Amino acid sequence: MKSIILIAAPAAGKGTEAALLHEDFGIPHISTGDILREKSKENSSLGQEINYKISNGLFVSDELIISILKERIQKDDCSNGYILDGFPRNVSQALAYEEMLKEFQYLYYLN
């Protein structure tokens, strides 16, 4: 499985590069920011919570981001890989992502 992670400062061109990589490799571009904006429009308690945080300039919890990402990468279109744009944002998210990959048996260590 091909997985590409783009990490850079805001407005550094991650989205632009992700779009190019999507064209080259044919794997989905997953932007956690885009997912949160989509979910914030849903008429649900989760959507309202995300909308409140985004509208007030607050960060969405790492746990919620991980949960949303976990759901997304289990979709069929990610079976051959994906491009992560803007995730992980911190060490806690990186460690949680590593554990998620172990859980999915996507992470293999070479000796």
Protein backbone atom coordinates (compact mmCIF):
# COMPACT_ATOMS: atom_id res chain seq x y z
CA MET A 1 0.00 0.00 0.00
CA LYS A 2 1.30 3.46 -0.92
CA SER A 3 0.78 6.08 1.73
CA ILE A 4 2.19 9.56 1.46
CA ILE A 5 2.16 12.11 4.27
CA LEU A 6 2.63 15.80 3.50
CA ILE A 7 3.71 17.88 6.48
CA ALA A 8 4.49 21.56 6.15
CA ALA A 9 3.50 24.99 7.41
CA PRO A 10 0.11 26.42 6.44
CA ALA A 11 0.00 27.71 2.85
CA ALA A 12 3.19 25.81 1.93
CA GLY A 13 1.51 24.03 -0.98
CA LYS A 14 0.51 20.70 0.58
CA GLY A 15 -2.87 20.71 -1.15
CA THR A 16 -1.34 21.57 -4.50
CA GLU A 17 1.26 18.80 -4.21
CA ALA A 18 -1.38 16.35 -2.98
CA ALA A 19 -3.50 17.05 -6.07
CA LEU A 20 -0.51 16.34 -8.32
CA LEU A 21 0.33 13.14 -6.44
CA HIS A 22 -3.32 12.07 -6.67
CA GLU A 23 -3.14 12.42 -10.45
CA ASP A 24 0.17 10.53 -10.65
CA PHE A 25 -0.69 7.65 -8.32
CA GLY A 26 -4.48 7.52 -8.46
CA ILE A 27 -4.84 7.31 -4.70
CA PRO A 28 -7.17 9.53 -2.64
CA HIS A 29 -6.08 12.87 -1.23
CA ILE A 30 -7.23 13.06 2.38
CA SER A 31 -7.20 16.49 3.96
CA THR A 32 -8.26 16.44 7.60
CA GLY A 33 -9.19 20.11 7.27
CA ASP A 34 -11.52 19.35 4.36
CA ILE A 35 -13.08 16.45 6.26
CA LEU A 36 -13.69 18.64 9.32
CA ARG A 37 -15.27 21.39 7.20
CA GLU A 38 -17.58 18.80 5.58
CA LYS A 39 -18.55 17.29 8.92
CA SER A 40 -19.16 20.76 10.41
CA LYS A 41 -22.04 21.18 7.93
CA GLU A 42 -23.80 18.01 9.11
CA ASN A 43 -26.85 18.44 11.30
CA SER A 44 -25.59 16.20 14.08
CA SER A 45 -24.07 16.70 17.52
CA LEU A 46 -20.64 15.93 16.06
CA GLY A 47 -21.18 18.39 13.21
CA GLN A 48 -22.31 21.08 15.65
CA GLU A 49 -19.31 20.47 17.91
CA ILE A 50 -16.88 20.71 15.01
CA ASN A 51 -18.66 23.80 13.64
CA TYR A 52 -18.44 25.51 17.04
CA LYS A 53 -14.73 24.81 17.35
CA ILE A 54 -13.91 25.89 13.78
CA SER A 55 -16.06 29.03 14.08
CA ASN A 56 -14.33 30.01 17.31
CA GLY A 57 -10.79 29.27 16.17
CA LEU A 58 -10.44 26.29 18.49
CA PHE A 59 -8.65 23.05 17.72
CA VAL A 60 -10.60 19.84 17.33
CA SER A 61 -9.27 17.23 19.76
CA ASP A 62 -6.65 14.74 18.63
CA GLU A 63 -9.01 11.92 19.59
CA LEU A 64 -11.72 13.21 17.29
CA ILE A 65 -9.29 13.76 14.40
CA ILE A 66 -7.92 10.22 14.84
CA SER A 67 -11.43 8.78 14.94
CA ILE A 68 -12.46 10.59 11.75
CA LEU A 69 -9.25 9.62 9.97
CA LYS A 70 -9.57 6.01 11.07
CA GLU A 71 -13.05 5.86 9.56
CA ARG A 72 -11.85 7.49 6.33
CA ILE A 73 -8.83 5.30 5.61
CA GLN A 74 -10.90 2.15 6.04
CA LYS A 75 -12.97 3.03 2.97
CA ASP A 76 -12.46 0.94 -0.16
CA ASP A 77 -10.82 3.73 -2.17
CA CYS A 78 -7.89 3.72 0.29
CA SER A 79 -7.09 0.02 -0.18
CA ASN A 80 -4.12 0.86 -2.43
CA GLY A 81 -2.96 3.83 -0.38
CA TYR A 82 -3.74 7.47 0.25
CA ILE A 83 -2.19 10.90 0.61
CA LEU A 84 -2.49 12.63 3.98
CA ASP A 85 -2.49 16.41 3.83
CA GLY A 86 -1.87 18.21 7.11
CA PHE A 87 -1.84 15.17 9.36
CA PRO A 88 -0.27 14.46 11.77
CA ARG A 89 -0.02 17.92 13.32
CA ASN A 90 1.77 16.87 16.49
CA VAL A 91 3.65 13.99 18.10
CA SER A 92 0.52 12.71 19.84
CA GLN A 93 -1.27 12.37 16.49
CA ALA A 94 1.78 10.71 14.93
CA LEU A 95 1.93 8.11 17.70
CA ALA A 96 -1.82 7.48 17.48
CA TYR A 97 -1.49 7.09 13.69
CA GLU A 98 1.29 4.56 14.17
CA GLU A 99 -0.92 2.56 16.55
CA MET A 100 -3.80 2.76 14.06
CA LEU A 101 -1.59 1.35 11.31
CA LYS A 102 -0.47 -1.48 13.59
CA GLU A 103 -4.12 -2.21 14.37
CA PHE A 104 -4.89 -2.39 10.64
CA GLN A 105 -1.68 -4.39 10.11
CA TYR A 106 -0.51 -1.77 7.58
CA LEU A 107 2.75 -1.12 9.36
CA TYR A 108 5.61 -3.52 8.99
CA TYR A 109 9.05 -3.02 10.42
CA LEU A 110 12.05 -4.21 8.47
CA ASN A 111 14.96 -5.72 10.36
